[in-house]
Amino acid sequence: MAAQQWHVTCDLQAIPEKKGLKVRVDERDLAVFRVGEQVFVLDGRCYHAGGPLHMGDIEDVAGMTCVRCPWHHYKFELQSGKCVGMGRITTTNGMQQRQHEAKVEGGRVYIKLNTRGAYPSDRYYTPQMERLFKLS
């Protein structure tokens, strides 16, 4: 991933309330969510099987605002990216989706990629996987 810098991605109003929007920054798909005036950003592909997180539903899980992956119903807390549920099970397996920093200025959404460490979702951003996702 490129050096940490802020990228302007979209207008805040382009993100539906309690829904996701897919954006691409430095060859990485991101899922951007808006809850009120707050914006949250996770890697766009679920670490479990590459599901499109921007298409997931926002729901409350034990008092946490989460997105549920539309493919296999893994649930990720928007604030931290932590997996807090799998299907009907509300628990954590210690896994985490890569979470990126977001800010809103002048009605525009800016994202700074989190380049620290390795996360399970990183496997979907190799040249081989990029080719597979372009086919679908």
N, C-alpha and C. Protein backbone atom coordinates (compact mmCIF):
# COMPACT_ATOMS: atom_id res chain seq x y z
N MET A 1 0.83 -1.19 0.00
CA MET A 1 0.00 0.00 0.00
C MET A 1 0.87 1.24 0.00
N ALA A 2 0.35 2.28 -0.57
CA ALA A 2 1.09 3.55 -0.68
C ALA A 2 1.26 4.20 0.69
N ALA A 3 2.15 5.18 0.73
CA ALA A 3 2.40 5.93 1.96
C ALA A 3 1.10 6.55 2.46
N GLN A 4 1.04 6.74 3.77
CA GLN A 4 -0.16 7.29 4.38
C GLN A 4 -0.37 8.74 3.98
N GLN A 5 -1.49 8.99 3.34
CA GLN A 5 -1.89 10.34 2.99
C GLN A 5 -3.41 10.34 2.90
N TRP A 6 -4.00 11.52 2.98
CA TRP A 6 -5.45 11.64 2.89
C TRP A 6 -5.86 11.66 1.42
N HIS A 7 -6.91 10.89 1.11
CA HIS A 7 -7.47 10.81 -0.24
C HIS A 7 -8.91 11.28 -0.19
N VAL A 8 -9.27 12.26 -1.01
CA VAL A 8 -10.67 12.66 -1.10
C VAL A 8 -11.38 11.59 -1.91
N THR A 9 -12.51 11.09 -1.40
CA THR A 9 -13.15 9.95 -2.05
C THR A 9 -14.55 10.24 -2.57
N CYS A 10 -15.36 11.01 -1.82
CA CYS A 10 -16.73 11.26 -2.24
C CYS A 10 -17.34 12.35 -1.37
N ASP A 11 -18.53 12.78 -1.73
CA ASP A 11 -19.29 13.68 -0.87
C ASP A 11 -19.96 12.85 0.23
N LEU A 12 -20.08 13.43 1.41
CA LEU A 12 -20.74 12.74 2.52
C LEU A 12 -22.14 12.30 2.11
N GLN A 13 -22.87 13.15 1.40
CA GLN A 13 -24.25 12.83 1.02
C GLN A 13 -24.34 11.69 0.00
N ALA A 14 -23.22 11.31 -0.62
CA ALA A 14 -23.22 10.18 -1.57
C ALA A 14 -23.33 8.84 -0.84
N ILE A 15 -23.05 8.85 0.46
CA ILE A 15 -23.11 7.61 1.24
C ILE A 15 -24.50 7.53 1.87
N PRO A 16 -25.30 6.55 1.50
CA PRO A 16 -26.64 6.44 2.09
C PRO A 16 -26.54 6.20 3.60
N GLU A 17 -27.48 6.77 4.34
CA GLU A 17 -27.53 6.59 5.79
C GLU A 17 -27.66 5.11 6.14
N LYS A 18 -26.77 4.65 7.02
CA LYS A 18 -26.74 3.25 7.49
C LYS A 18 -26.61 2.25 6.34
N LYS A 19 -25.88 2.66 5.32
CA LYS A 19 -25.60 1.80 4.17
C LYS A 19 -24.13 1.98 3.80
N GLY A 20 -23.68 1.18 2.84
CA GLY A 20 -22.30 1.27 2.41
C GLY A 20 -22.15 1.80 1.00
N LEU A 21 -20.94 2.24 0.71
CA LEU A 21 -20.57 2.70 -0.61
C LEU A 21 -19.19 2.13 -0.91
N LYS A 22 -19.02 1.60 -2.11
CA LYS A 22 -17.72 1.07 -2.52
C LYS A 22 -16.91 2.19 -3.15
N VAL A 23 -15.67 2.36 -2.66
CA VAL A 23 -14.73 3.30 -3.28
C VAL A 23 -13.42 2.56 -3.47
N ARG A 24 -12.57 3.11 -4.32
CA ARG A 24 -11.26 2.49 -4.58
C ARG A 24 -10.19 3.54 -4.35
N VAL A 25 -9.22 3.19 -3.50
CA VAL A 25 -8.10 4.07 -3.18
C VAL A 25 -6.83 3.26 -3.34
N ASP A 26 -5.90 3.75 -4.14
CA ASP A 26 -4.61 3.07 -4.35
C ASP A 26 -4.76 1.57 -4.59
N GLU A 27 -5.61 1.22 -5.55
CA GLU A 27 -5.80 -0.19 -5.95
C GLU A 27 -6.41 -1.05 -4.84
N ARG A 28 -7.14 -0.44 -3.91
CA ARG A 28 -7.76 -1.18 -2.81
C ARG A 28 -9.24 -0.81 -2.75
N ASP A 29 -10.11 -1.84 -2.78
CA ASP A 29 -11.54 -1.61 -2.61
C ASP A 29 -11.82 -1.37 -1.14
N LEU A 30 -12.59 -0.33 -0.88
CA LEU A 30 -12.96 0.02 0.49
C LEU A 30 -14.47 0.09 0.60
N ALA A 31 -14.99 -0.24 1.78
CA ALA A 31 -16.40 -0.09 2.09
C ALA A 31 -16.53 1.08 3.05
N VAL A 32 -17.26 2.11 2.61
CA VAL A 32 -17.43 3.34 3.40
C VAL A 32 -18.87 3.36 3.90
N PHE A 33 -19.04 3.58 5.20
CA PHE A 33 -20.36 3.58 5.83
C PHE A 33 -20.60 4.90 6.54
N ARG A 34 -21.88 5.31 6.54
CA ARG A 34 -22.25 6.53 7.25
C ARG A 34 -23.36 6.21 8.24
N VAL A 35 -23.13 6.64 9.48
CA VAL A 35 -24.13 6.54 10.53
C VAL A 35 -24.24 7.94 11.10
N GLY A 36 -25.28 8.66 10.73
CA GLY A 36 -25.40 10.07 11.09
C GLY A 36 -24.31 10.85 10.37
N GLU A 37 -23.53 11.59 11.11
CA GLU A 37 -22.42 12.35 10.53
C GLU A 37 -21.10 11.60 10.64
N GLN A 38 -21.12 10.41 11.23
CA GLN A 38 -19.91 9.61 11.37
C GLN A 38 -19.67 8.76 10.13
N VAL A 39 -18.41 8.63 9.76
CA VAL A 39 -18.03 7.82 8.60
C VAL A 39 -17.03 6.77 9.07
N PHE A 40 -17.24 5.54 8.61
CA PHE A 40 -16.38 4.42 8.96
C PHE A 40 -15.91 3.76 7.67
N VAL A 41 -14.68 3.25 7.66
CA VAL A 41 -14.11 2.64 6.46
C VAL A 41 -13.43 1.33 6.82
N LEU A 42 -13.81 0.28 6.13
CA LEU A 42 -13.18 -1.03 6.27
C LEU A 42 -12.70 -1.49 4.90
N ASP A 43 -11.77 -2.46 4.89
CA ASP A 43 -11.45 -3.09 3.61
C ASP A 43 -12.75 -3.57 3.00
N GLY A 44 -12.86 -3.44 1.70
CA GLY A 44 -14.11 -3.73 1.02
C GLY A 44 -14.45 -5.19 0.86
N ARG A 45 -13.49 -6.06 1.04
CA ARG A 45 -13.71 -7.49 0.86
C ARG A 45 -13.57 -8.20 2.21
N CYS A 46 -14.60 -8.91 2.61
CA CYS A 46 -14.61 -9.63 3.88
C CYS A 46 -13.44 -10.60 3.94
N TYR A 47 -12.76 -10.63 5.08
CA TYR A 47 -11.59 -11.50 5.20
C TYR A 47 -11.95 -12.97 5.08
N HIS A 48 -13.20 -13.34 5.34
CA HIS A 48 -13.58 -14.75 5.34
C HIS A 48 -13.58 -15.35 3.93
N ALA A 49 -14.28 -14.68 2.99
CA ALA A 49 -14.37 -15.24 1.64
C ALA A 49 -14.43 -14.17 0.56
N GLY A 50 -14.09 -12.94 0.91
CA GLY A 50 -14.03 -11.87 -0.09
C GLY A 50 -15.37 -11.22 -0.40
N GLY A 51 -16.37 -11.43 0.44
CA GLY A 51 -17.69 -10.84 0.21
C GLY A 51 -17.65 -9.32 0.17
N PRO A 52 -18.55 -8.71 -0.60
CA PRO A 52 -18.57 -7.25 -0.76
C PRO A 52 -19.22 -6.56 0.46
N LEU A 53 -18.41 -6.09 1.37
CA LEU A 53 -18.94 -5.51 2.60
C LEU A 53 -19.80 -4.28 2.37
N HIS A 54 -19.54 -3.52 1.32
CA HIS A 54 -20.36 -2.33 1.07
C HIS A 54 -21.83 -2.68 0.82
N MET A 55 -22.11 -3.92 0.50
CA MET A 55 -23.48 -4.36 0.26
C MET A 55 -24.13 -4.93 1.51
N GLY A 56 -23.38 -4.95 2.62
CA GLY A 56 -23.90 -5.52 3.86
C GLY A 56 -24.85 -4.58 4.59
N ASP A 57 -25.66 -5.16 5.46
CA ASP A 57 -26.59 -4.39 6.27
C ASP A 57 -25.91 -3.91 7.55
N ILE A 58 -26.30 -2.71 7.99
CA ILE A 58 -25.82 -2.17 9.26
C ILE A 58 -26.80 -2.63 10.33
N GLU A 59 -26.27 -3.16 11.42
CA GLU A 59 -27.13 -3.62 12.51
C GLU A 59 -26.44 -3.46 13.85
N ASP A 60 -27.24 -3.49 14.90
CA ASP A 60 -26.73 -3.40 16.25
C ASP A 60 -26.47 -4.82 16.76
N VAL A 61 -25.25 -5.05 17.27
CA VAL A 61 -24.90 -6.34 17.86
C VAL A 61 -24.35 -6.04 19.25
N ALA A 62 -25.14 -6.37 20.26
CA ALA A 62 -24.73 -6.16 21.65
C ALA A 62 -24.26 -4.73 21.90
N GLY A 63 -25.00 -3.77 21.36
CA GLY A 63 -24.67 -2.36 21.57
C GLY A 63 -23.59 -1.80 20.66
N MET A 64 -23.11 -2.59 19.71
CA MET A 64 -22.08 -2.13 18.77
C MET A 64 -22.70 -1.97 17.38
N THR A 65 -22.30 -0.91 16.67
CA THR A 65 -22.78 -0.70 15.30
C THR A 65 -21.90 -1.53 14.37
N CYS A 66 -22.53 -2.45 13.66
CA CYS A 66 -21.78 -3.43 12.86
C CYS A 66 -22.32 -3.50 11.44
N VAL A 67 -21.47 -4.02 10.54
CA VAL A 67 -21.91 -4.38 9.20
C VAL A 67 -21.90 -5.90 9.13
N ARG A 68 -22.93 -6.45 8.47
CA ARG A 68 -23.04 -7.89 8.29
C ARG A 68 -22.72 -8.22 6.84
N CYS A 69 -21.71 -9.04 6.63
CA CYS A 69 -21.33 -9.44 5.28
C CYS A 69 -22.50 -10.14 4.61
N PRO A 70 -22.83 -9.75 3.37
CA PRO A 70 -23.99 -10.35 2.70
C PRO A 70 -23.79 -11.81 2.29
N TRP A 71 -22.57 -12.29 2.26
CA TRP A 71 -22.35 -13.67 1.81
C TRP A 71 -22.53 -14.69 2.92
N HIS A 72 -21.82 -14.55 4.03
CA HIS A 72 -21.85 -15.57 5.08
C HIS A 72 -22.19 -15.00 6.46
N HIS A 73 -22.61 -13.75 6.49
CA HIS A 73 -23.14 -13.11 7.70
C HIS A 73 -22.12 -12.91 8.82
N TYR A 74 -20.86 -12.78 8.45
CA TYR A 74 -19.87 -12.36 9.45
C TYR A 74 -20.18 -10.91 9.80
N LYS A 75 -20.02 -10.56 11.08
CA LYS A 75 -20.38 -9.21 11.52
C LYS A 75 -19.13 -8.51 12.06
N PHE A 76 -18.93 -7.26 11.59
CA PHE A 76 -17.76 -6.48 11.96
C PHE A 76 -18.18 -5.16 12.59
N GLU A 77 -17.60 -4.85 13.75
CA GLU A 77 -17.84 -3.57 14.38
C GLU A 77 -17.23 -2.49 13.50
N LEU A 78 -18.01 -1.47 13.17
CA LEU A 78 -17.52 -0.42 12.27
C LEU A 78 -16.39 0.39 12.89
N GLN A 79 -16.44 0.63 14.18
CA GLN A 79 -15.45 1.47 14.86
C GLN A 79 -14.05 0.85 14.81
N SER A 80 -13.96 -0.48 14.94
CA SER A 80 -12.65 -1.13 15.07
C SER A 80 -12.34 -2.17 13.99
N GLY A 81 -13.35 -2.67 13.30
CA GLY A 81 -13.15 -3.74 12.34
C GLY A 81 -13.15 -5.12 12.96
N LYS A 82 -13.34 -5.22 14.27
CA LYS A 82 -13.32 -6.53 14.94
C LYS A 82 -14.52 -7.37 14.54
N CYS A 83 -14.25 -8.66 14.34
CA CYS A 83 -15.33 -9.61 14.05
C CYS A 83 -16.04 -9.88 15.38
N VAL A 84 -17.35 -9.60 15.41
CA VAL A 84 -18.11 -9.78 16.65
C VAL A 84 -19.19 -10.85 16.49
N GLY A 85 -19.29 -11.45 15.33
CA GLY A 85 -20.27 -12.49 15.14
C GLY A 85 -20.09 -13.21 13.82
N MET A 86 -20.55 -14.45 13.81
CA MET A 86 -20.52 -15.27 12.61
C MET A 86 -21.87 -15.95 12.51
N GLY A 87 -22.66 -15.55 11.54
CA GLY A 87 -24.02 -16.09 11.44
C GLY A 87 -24.82 -15.70 12.67
N ARG A 88 -25.39 -16.69 13.35
CA ARG A 88 -26.19 -16.41 14.55
C ARG A 88 -25.34 -16.36 15.82
N ILE A 89 -24.08 -16.65 15.71
CA ILE A 89 -23.19 -16.66 16.89
C ILE A 89 -22.67 -15.26 17.14
N THR A 90 -22.90 -14.73 18.34
CA THR A 90 -22.36 -13.43 18.72
C THR A 90 -21.15 -13.68 19.60
N THR A 91 -20.01 -13.63 18.99
CA THR A 91 -18.76 -13.88 19.69
C THR A 91 -17.64 -13.30 18.85
N THR A 92 -16.47 -13.29 19.39
CA THR A 92 -15.33 -12.86 18.60
C THR A 92 -14.37 -14.02 18.45
N ASN A 93 -13.78 -14.10 17.29
CA ASN A 93 -12.78 -15.14 17.05
C ASN A 93 -11.38 -14.54 17.04
N GLY A 94 -11.28 -13.27 17.45
CA GLY A 94 -9.98 -12.61 17.46
C GLY A 94 -9.56 -12.03 16.12
N MET A 95 -10.36 -12.30 15.10
CA MET A 95 -10.03 -11.80 13.77
C MET A 95 -10.50 -10.37 13.62
N GLN A 96 -9.90 -9.67 12.67
CA GLN A 96 -10.24 -8.27 12.48
C GLN A 96 -10.12 -7.90 11.01
N GLN A 97 -11.08 -7.12 10.55
CA GLN A 97 -11.06 -6.56 9.20
C GLN A 97 -10.21 -5.29 9.27
N ARG A 98 -9.40 -5.04 8.25
CA ARG A 98 -8.59 -3.82 8.24
C ARG A 98 -9.51 -2.60 8.24
N GLN A 99 -9.30 -1.68 9.18
CA GLN A 99 -10.08 -0.47 9.33
C GLN A 99 -9.21 0.71 8.94
N HIS A 100 -9.78 1.67 8.23
CA HIS A 100 -9.04 2.83 7.75
C HIS A 100 -9.61 4.10 8.38
N GLU A 101 -8.79 5.13 8.44
CA GLU A 101 -9.19 6.39 9.06
C GLU A 101 -10.00 7.23 8.08
N ALA A 102 -11.03 7.92 8.61
CA ALA A 102 -11.86 8.78 7.77
C ALA A 102 -12.10 10.10 8.48
N LYS A 103 -12.26 11.15 7.68
CA LYS A 103 -12.65 12.45 8.22
C LYS A 103 -13.52 13.13 7.18
N VAL A 104 -14.34 14.06 7.67
CA VAL A 104 -15.23 14.82 6.79
C VAL A 104 -14.86 16.29 6.93
N GLU A 105 -14.58 16.93 5.81
CA GLU A 105 -14.27 18.36 5.77
C GLU A 105 -15.02 18.98 4.60
N GLY A 106 -15.78 20.02 4.89
CA GLY A 106 -16.50 20.70 3.82
C GLY A 106 -17.46 19.80 3.06
N GLY A 107 -18.02 18.81 3.76
CA GLY A 107 -18.95 17.90 3.11
C GLY A 107 -18.30 16.81 2.28
N ARG A 108 -16.98 16.78 2.25
CA ARG A 108 -16.23 15.76 1.48
C ARG A 108 -15.64 14.73 2.45
N VAL A 109 -15.58 13.48 2.02
CA VAL A 109 -15.02 12.40 2.83
C VAL A 109 -13.59 12.13 2.39
N TYR A 110 -12.69 12.15 3.36
CA TYR A 110 -11.27 11.88 3.14
C TYR A 110 -10.93 10.58 3.87
N ILE A 111 -10.09 9.77 3.23
CA ILE A 111 -9.67 8.49 3.81
C ILE A 111 -8.16 8.40 3.81
N LYS A 112 -7.63 7.92 4.93
CA LYS A 112 -6.20 7.61 5.04
C LYS A 112 -6.09 6.10 5.23
N LEU A 113 -5.40 5.44 4.31
CA LEU A 113 -5.26 3.99 4.39
C LEU A 113 -4.43 3.59 5.60
N ASN A 114 -4.89 2.55 6.25
CA ASN A 114 -4.16 1.95 7.37
C ASN A 114 -3.16 0.96 6.77
N THR A 115 -1.89 1.26 6.86
CA THR A 115 -0.86 0.40 6.25
C THR A 115 -0.08 -0.40 7.30
N ARG A 116 -0.52 -0.33 8.54
CA ARG A 116 0.21 -1.01 9.63
C ARG A 116 -0.16 -2.49 9.71
N GLY A 117 0.84 -3.33 9.82
CA GLY A 117 0.63 -4.74 10.07
C GLY A 117 -0.03 -5.49 8.92
N ALA A 118 -0.33 -6.74 9.20
CA ALA A 118 -0.98 -7.62 8.23
C ALA A 118 -2.35 -8.01 8.76
N TYR A 119 -3.32 -8.07 7.88
CA TYR A 119 -4.69 -8.44 8.23
C TYR A 119 -5.14 -9.54 7.29
N PRO A 120 -6.07 -10.41 7.74
CA PRO A 120 -6.53 -11.49 6.87
C PRO A 120 -7.12 -11.01 5.54
N SER A 121 -7.75 -9.83 5.53
CA SER A 121 -8.36 -9.34 4.28
C SER A 121 -7.31 -8.95 3.23
N ASP A 122 -6.05 -8.82 3.64
CA ASP A 122 -4.99 -8.46 2.69
C ASP A 122 -4.85 -9.48 1.57
N ARG A 123 -5.22 -10.72 1.84
CA ARG A 123 -5.03 -11.76 0.81
C ARG A 123 -5.86 -11.50 -0.44
N TYR A 124 -6.88 -10.65 -0.34
CA TYR A 124 -7.71 -10.35 -1.50
C TYR A 124 -7.18 -9.19 -2.33
N TYR A 125 -6.00 -8.69 -1.97
CA TYR A 125 -5.42 -7.55 -2.70
C TYR A 125 -4.08 -7.90 -3.34
N THR A 126 -3.92 -9.16 -3.73
CA THR A 126 -2.75 -9.58 -4.49
C THR A 126 -3.09 -9.44 -5.97
N PRO A 127 -2.08 -9.38 -6.86
CA PRO A 127 -2.39 -9.30 -8.30
C PRO A 127 -3.27 -10.44 -8.80
N GLN A 128 -3.06 -11.66 -8.28
CA GLN A 128 -3.86 -12.80 -8.71
C GLN A 128 -5.32 -12.63 -8.31
N MET A 129 -5.57 -12.20 -7.06
CA MET A 129 -6.93 -12.02 -6.60
C MET A 129 -7.60 -10.83 -7.30
N GLU A 130 -6.84 -9.80 -7.57
CA GLU A 130 -7.39 -8.64 -8.30
C GLU A 130 -7.93 -9.10 -9.66
N ARG A 131 -7.17 -9.97 -10.34
CA ARG A 131 -7.65 -10.48 -11.63
C ARG A 131 -8.95 -11.28 -11.47
N LEU A 132 -9.03 -12.10 -10.44
CA LEU A 132 -10.25 -12.87 -10.19
C LEU A 132 -11.45 -11.97 -9.93
N PHE A 133 -11.28 -10.95 -9.10
CA PHE A 133 -12.39 -10.06 -8.78
C PHE A 133 -12.81 -9.22 -9.97
N LYS A 134 -11.89 -8.94 -10.89
CA LYS A 134 -12.26 -8.19 -12.10
C LYS A 134 -13.12 -9.03 -13.03
N LEU A 135 -12.98 -10.35 -12.95
CA LEU A 135 -13.78 -11.25 -13.78
C LEU A 135 -15.22 -11.33 -13.31
N SER A 136 -15.44 -11.10 -12.02
CA SER A 136 -16.80 -11.26 -11.48
C SER A 136 -17.62 -10.01 -11.57
